[in-house]
Amino acid sequence: MSVDAAARREELVALYKEVSKCTRCPLHETRTKAVFGAGNADADLMFVGEAPGAEEDRQGLPFVGRAGQLLNELLVEIGLSREDVFICNVLKSRPPDNRDPQPAEIAACEPYLWDQVRLIQPRVVCTLGNFATKLLTGNPTGITRVRGVPQTHELGGRTVYLLPLFHPAAALRTPAVKEQLRGDFATIPALLQQALPEPMPSAEEISRELEEEGDSTPPPPSDQLGFFGDPS
């Protein structure tokens, strides 16, 4: 293991300990265990779901219920296993009765997720379902409109491919969704083989380039729409 990899692993362990004791939002009062995430700390492929369910809360591990079993099956179909990838959720604590995450809870957990991306250094991040997709893309467009189409984003200071996918729980409820999810999964191996996208320019870099070209018009402000405006 290289010095850099060893340092990242050490920092990831420290982050795990911090999350296990986190009290940033009221969910720590009702959880059994915090669910940090699990898998390969040097994975090229990372999955981000919504929040732990009852079984995840009991075991302290992500995607260990029926949705997790489907995720395992889909990984095997593309020649991978859980040991090859890293799996986590937007929220690290279970919301009572599996209700939707609230904005304040997402904001409290968000820095942990960015740190996980920064430390694991994936090439491809797959978002599972609406909440993860809207948060990581910074766009309120619903999952049904964007699923299966790779995007380029900077996450945790790292430029990666982001692939929005239906949540396995939705696939369990609807056979047609399951087949769409299976088809989208089949595109992952080729995406992993692609060269990493070039780092995205910052607003300051764009402004500097415009000034050098003699255009003083400032770049448009980033989209400030909320993540949850589109239920589709």
Protein backbone atom coordinates (compact mmCIF):
# COMPACT_ATOMS: atom_id res chain seq x y z
CA MET A 1 0.00 0.00 0.00
CA SER A 2 1.41 3.38 -0.99
CA VAL A 3 2.00 6.13 1.55
CA ASP A 4 -0.86 8.09 0.00
CA ALA A 5 -3.23 5.12 0.18
CA ALA A 6 -2.22 4.39 3.76
CA ALA A 7 -2.83 8.01 4.76
CA ARG A 8 -6.25 8.00 3.09
CA ARG A 9 -7.14 4.75 4.85
CA GLU A 10 -6.13 6.20 8.21
CA GLU A 11 -8.23 9.31 7.61
CA LEU A 12 -11.18 7.16 6.53
CA VAL A 13 -10.98 5.19 9.78
CA ALA A 14 -10.97 8.46 11.72
CA LEU A 15 -14.03 9.61 9.76
CA TYR A 16 -15.78 6.31 10.55
CA LYS A 17 -15.20 6.88 14.27
CA GLU A 18 -16.51 10.43 13.99
CA VAL A 19 -19.68 9.30 12.21
CA SER A 20 -20.31 6.54 14.76
CA LYS A 21 -20.51 9.19 17.50
CA CYS A 22 -22.18 11.93 15.44
CA THR A 23 -24.86 14.08 17.10
CA ARG A 24 -25.23 16.72 14.36
CA CYS A 25 -28.96 16.05 13.93
CA PRO A 26 -31.73 14.53 16.10
CA LEU A 27 -31.56 11.19 14.27
CA HIS A 28 -28.79 10.08 16.61
CA GLU A 29 -31.40 9.90 19.38
CA THR A 30 -33.44 7.19 17.64
CA ARG A 31 -30.84 5.16 15.72
CA THR A 32 -29.43 1.84 16.89
CA LYS A 33 -26.17 2.18 14.95
CA ALA A 34 -24.77 4.75 12.58
CA VAL A 35 -24.26 3.32 9.09
CA PHE A 36 -21.03 4.73 7.72
CA GLY A 37 -20.71 2.56 4.63
CA ALA A 38 -18.84 -0.59 3.66
CA GLY A 39 -16.68 -2.10 0.97
CA ASN A 40 -13.37 -1.41 -0.74
CA ALA A 41 -11.73 1.76 0.57
CA ASP A 42 -9.89 2.12 -2.77
CA ALA A 43 -12.87 1.31 -4.98
CA ASP A 44 -13.20 2.69 -8.50
CA LEU A 45 -16.98 2.33 -8.17
CA MET A 46 -19.07 3.89 -5.39
CA PHE A 47 -22.81 3.63 -4.75
CA VAL A 48 -24.75 6.25 -2.79
CA GLY A 49 -28.25 5.45 -1.56
CA GLU A 50 -30.76 7.40 0.49
CA ALA A 51 -30.75 6.31 4.13
CA PRO A 52 -30.44 3.18 6.27
CA GLY A 53 -33.50 0.99 6.79
CA ALA A 54 -34.41 -1.16 9.78
CA GLU A 55 -31.98 -3.99 9.05
CA GLU A 56 -29.18 -1.57 8.20
CA ASP A 57 -29.80 0.28 11.47
CA ARG A 58 -29.61 -3.00 13.38
CA GLN A 59 -26.40 -4.24 11.75
CA GLY A 60 -24.68 -0.90 11.13
CA LEU A 61 -24.10 -1.88 7.49
CA PRO A 62 -25.60 -0.45 4.26
CA PHE A 63 -27.92 -2.36 1.91
CA VAL A 64 -28.25 -5.61 3.85
CA GLY A 65 -32.01 -6.05 3.35
CA ARG A 66 -33.92 -7.13 0.23
CA ALA A 67 -32.77 -4.09 -1.76
CA GLY A 68 -29.21 -4.98 -0.85
CA GLN A 69 -29.69 -8.55 -2.05
CA LEU A 70 -30.82 -7.23 -5.44
CA LEU A 71 -27.83 -4.89 -5.53
CA ASN A 72 -25.56 -7.89 -4.90
CA GLU A 73 -27.20 -9.81 -7.77
CA LEU A 74 -26.77 -6.92 -10.17
CA LEU A 75 -23.12 -6.56 -9.24
CA VAL A 76 -22.49 -10.25 -9.91
CA GLU A 77 -24.12 -9.88 -13.33
CA ILE A 78 -21.46 -7.32 -14.33
CA GLY A 79 -18.60 -9.33 -12.85
CA LEU A 80 -18.26 -7.47 -9.55
CA SER A 81 -19.02 -8.07 -5.87
CA ARG A 82 -19.53 -5.94 -2.79
CA GLU A 83 -15.85 -6.39 -1.97
CA ASP A 84 -14.97 -4.53 -5.19
CA VAL A 85 -17.09 -1.43 -4.54
CA PHE A 86 -17.92 1.00 -1.74
CA ILE A 87 -21.56 1.44 -0.70
CA CYS A 88 -22.98 4.17 1.52
CA ASN A 89 -26.00 6.44 1.95
CA VAL A 90 -26.68 10.17 2.02
CA LEU A 91 -27.86 9.81 5.64
CA LYS A 92 -25.79 7.82 8.10
CA SER A 93 -28.67 7.34 10.56
CA ARG A 94 -32.09 5.80 9.96
CA PRO A 95 -35.06 8.19 9.81
CA PRO A 96 -37.93 6.95 12.03
CA ASP A 97 -40.36 4.68 10.16
CA ASN A 98 -38.17 5.01 7.05
CA ARG A 99 -39.61 8.44 6.28
CA ASP A 100 -37.96 10.66 3.67
CA PRO A 101 -34.77 12.49 4.73
CA GLN A 102 -35.33 16.08 5.78
CA PRO A 103 -33.22 18.96 4.40
CA ALA A 104 -31.56 19.66 7.77
CA GLU A 105 -30.60 15.99 8.12
CA ILE A 106 -29.12 15.93 4.62
CA ALA A 107 -27.16 19.11 5.35
CA ALA A 108 -25.78 17.58 8.56
CA CYS A 109 -24.55 14.41 6.79
CA GLU A 110 -23.44 16.00 3.53
CA PRO A 111 -19.85 16.81 4.63
CA TYR A 112 -19.30 13.17 5.55
CA LEU A 113 -20.30 12.07 2.05
CA TRP A 114 -17.95 14.54 0.36
CA ASP A 115 -15.13 13.32 2.60
CA GLN A 116 -15.89 9.72 1.67
CA VAL A 117 -15.62 10.54 -2.04
CA ARG A 118 -12.40 12.47 -1.46
CA LEU A 119 -10.78 9.66 0.51
CA ILE A 120 -11.96 6.68 -1.55
CA GLN A 121 -11.22 8.38 -4.88
CA PRO A 122 -13.74 6.54 -7.09
CA ARG A 123 -13.84 6.90 -10.86
CA VAL A 124 -17.62 6.36 -11.06
CA VAL A 125 -20.28 7.28 -8.49
CA CYS A 126 -23.72 5.69 -8.94
CA THR A 127 -26.58 7.46 -7.21
CA LEU A 128 -29.48 5.21 -6.21
CA GLY A 129 -32.85 6.98 -6.31
CA ASN A 130 -34.09 10.54 -6.14
CA PHE A 131 -32.52 11.91 -2.97
CA ALA A 132 -28.96 10.85 -3.74
CA THR A 133 -29.28 11.92 -7.38
CA LYS A 134 -30.65 15.37 -6.60
CA LEU A 135 -28.04 16.01 -3.93
CA LEU A 136 -24.99 14.88 -5.87
CA THR A 137 -26.00 16.41 -9.20
CA GLY A 138 -27.17 19.67 -7.61
CA ASN A 139 -30.21 19.46 -9.86
CA PRO A 140 -33.90 19.00 -8.92
CA THR A 141 -34.69 16.88 -11.99
CA GLY A 142 -36.28 13.57 -10.99
CA ILE A 143 -34.56 10.22 -11.42
CA THR A 144 -36.92 9.01 -14.15
CA ARG A 145 -35.64 11.75 -16.48
CA VAL A 146 -31.91 11.30 -15.87
CA ARG A 147 -31.39 7.60 -15.08
CA GLY A 148 -28.83 5.69 -17.07
CA VAL A 149 -27.11 8.73 -18.59
CA PRO A 150 -23.59 9.46 -17.25
CA GLN A 151 -22.83 12.98 -16.08
CA THR A 152 -19.59 14.70 -15.09
CA HIS A 153 -19.43 16.32 -11.66
CA GLU A 154 -16.92 17.51 -9.12
CA LEU A 155 -17.59 15.72 -5.84
CA GLY A 156 -15.39 16.10 -2.79
CA GLY A 157 -12.84 18.00 -4.86
CA ARG A 158 -12.64 15.17 -7.40
CA THR A 159 -14.02 15.12 -10.96
CA VAL A 160 -15.89 11.86 -11.54
CA TYR A 161 -18.49 10.23 -13.72
CA LEU A 162 -21.88 10.18 -12.00
CA LEU A 163 -24.43 7.60 -13.14
CA PRO A 164 -28.00 8.08 -11.81
CA LEU A 165 -29.82 4.80 -11.21
CA PHE A 166 -33.20 3.73 -9.88
CA HIS A 167 -33.09 2.62 -6.26
CA PRO A 168 -33.16 -1.19 -5.91
CA ALA A 169 -36.14 -0.86 -3.55
CA ALA A 170 -38.15 0.68 -6.40
CA ALA A 171 -37.02 -2.14 -8.67
CA LEU A 172 -38.36 -4.70 -6.18
CA ARG A 173 -41.79 -3.08 -6.39
CA THR A 174 -41.99 -2.75 -10.18
CA PRO A 175 -40.71 -5.39 -12.65
CA ALA A 176 -40.29 -2.84 -15.45
CA VAL A 177 -38.07 -0.68 -13.23
CA LYS A 178 -36.02 -3.75 -12.35
CA GLU A 179 -35.31 -4.41 -16.01
CA GLN A 180 -34.37 -0.77 -16.59
CA LEU A 181 -32.03 -0.92 -13.60
CA ARG A 182 -30.47 -4.11 -14.91
CA GLY A 183 -29.91 -2.50 -18.30
CA ASP A 184 -28.35 0.60 -16.75
CA PHE A 185 -26.08 -1.58 -14.60
CA ALA A 186 -24.80 -3.25 -17.75
CA THR A 187 -23.26 0.08 -18.83
CA ILE A 188 -21.08 0.37 -15.73
CA PRO A 189 -18.07 -1.76 -16.83
CA ALA A 190 -17.53 0.33 -19.98
CA LEU A 191 -17.85 3.55 -17.98
CA LEU A 192 -15.20 2.33 -15.53
CA GLN A 193 -12.82 1.83 -18.46
CA GLN A 194 -13.16 5.39 -19.76
CA ALA A 195 -10.47 7.94 -19.02
CA LEU A 196 -11.38 10.24 -16.16
CA PRO A 197 -13.00 13.50 -17.30
CA GLU A 198 -10.93 16.65 -17.19
CA PRO A 199 -11.35 18.68 -13.97
CA MET A 200 -14.23 21.13 -14.25
CA PRO A 201 -13.16 24.82 -14.30
CA SER A 202 -14.10 26.93 -11.30
CA ALA A 203 -16.14 30.14 -11.56
CA GLU A 204 -12.91 32.08 -10.93
CA GLU A 205 -11.16 30.29 -13.80
CA ILE A 206 -14.09 30.96 -16.14
CA SER A 207 -14.08 34.64 -15.20
CA ARG A 208 -10.33 34.86 -15.77
CA GLU A 209 -10.62 33.26 -19.20
CA LEU A 210 -13.42 35.65 -20.17
CA GLU A 211 -11.35 38.63 -19.07
CA GLU A 212 -8.38 37.41 -21.11
CA GLU A 213 -10.67 37.10 -24.12
CA GLY A 214 -11.95 40.63 -23.58
CA ASP A 215 -15.41 39.61 -22.38
CA SER A 216 -16.22 41.19 -19.03
CA THR A 217 -19.66 39.58 -18.75
CA PRO A 218 -19.66 37.53 -15.51
CA PRO A 219 -20.62 33.86 -15.70
CA PRO A 220 -24.25 33.10 -14.84
CA PRO A 221 -24.94 32.16 -11.22
CA SER A 222 -25.24 28.48 -10.44
CA ASP A 223 -28.70 26.97 -10.25
CA GLN A 224 -30.15 27.77 -6.84
CA LEU A 225 -33.27 25.65 -7.19
CA GLY A 226 -33.99 23.30 -4.33
CA PHE A 227 -33.23 19.62 -4.77
CA PHE A 228 -36.76 18.49 -4.16
CA GLY A 229 -38.86 20.58 -6.49
CA ASP A 230 -39.54 17.86 -9.06
CA PRO A 231 -41.26 14.73 -7.75
CA SER A 232 -40.82 12.77 -11.02
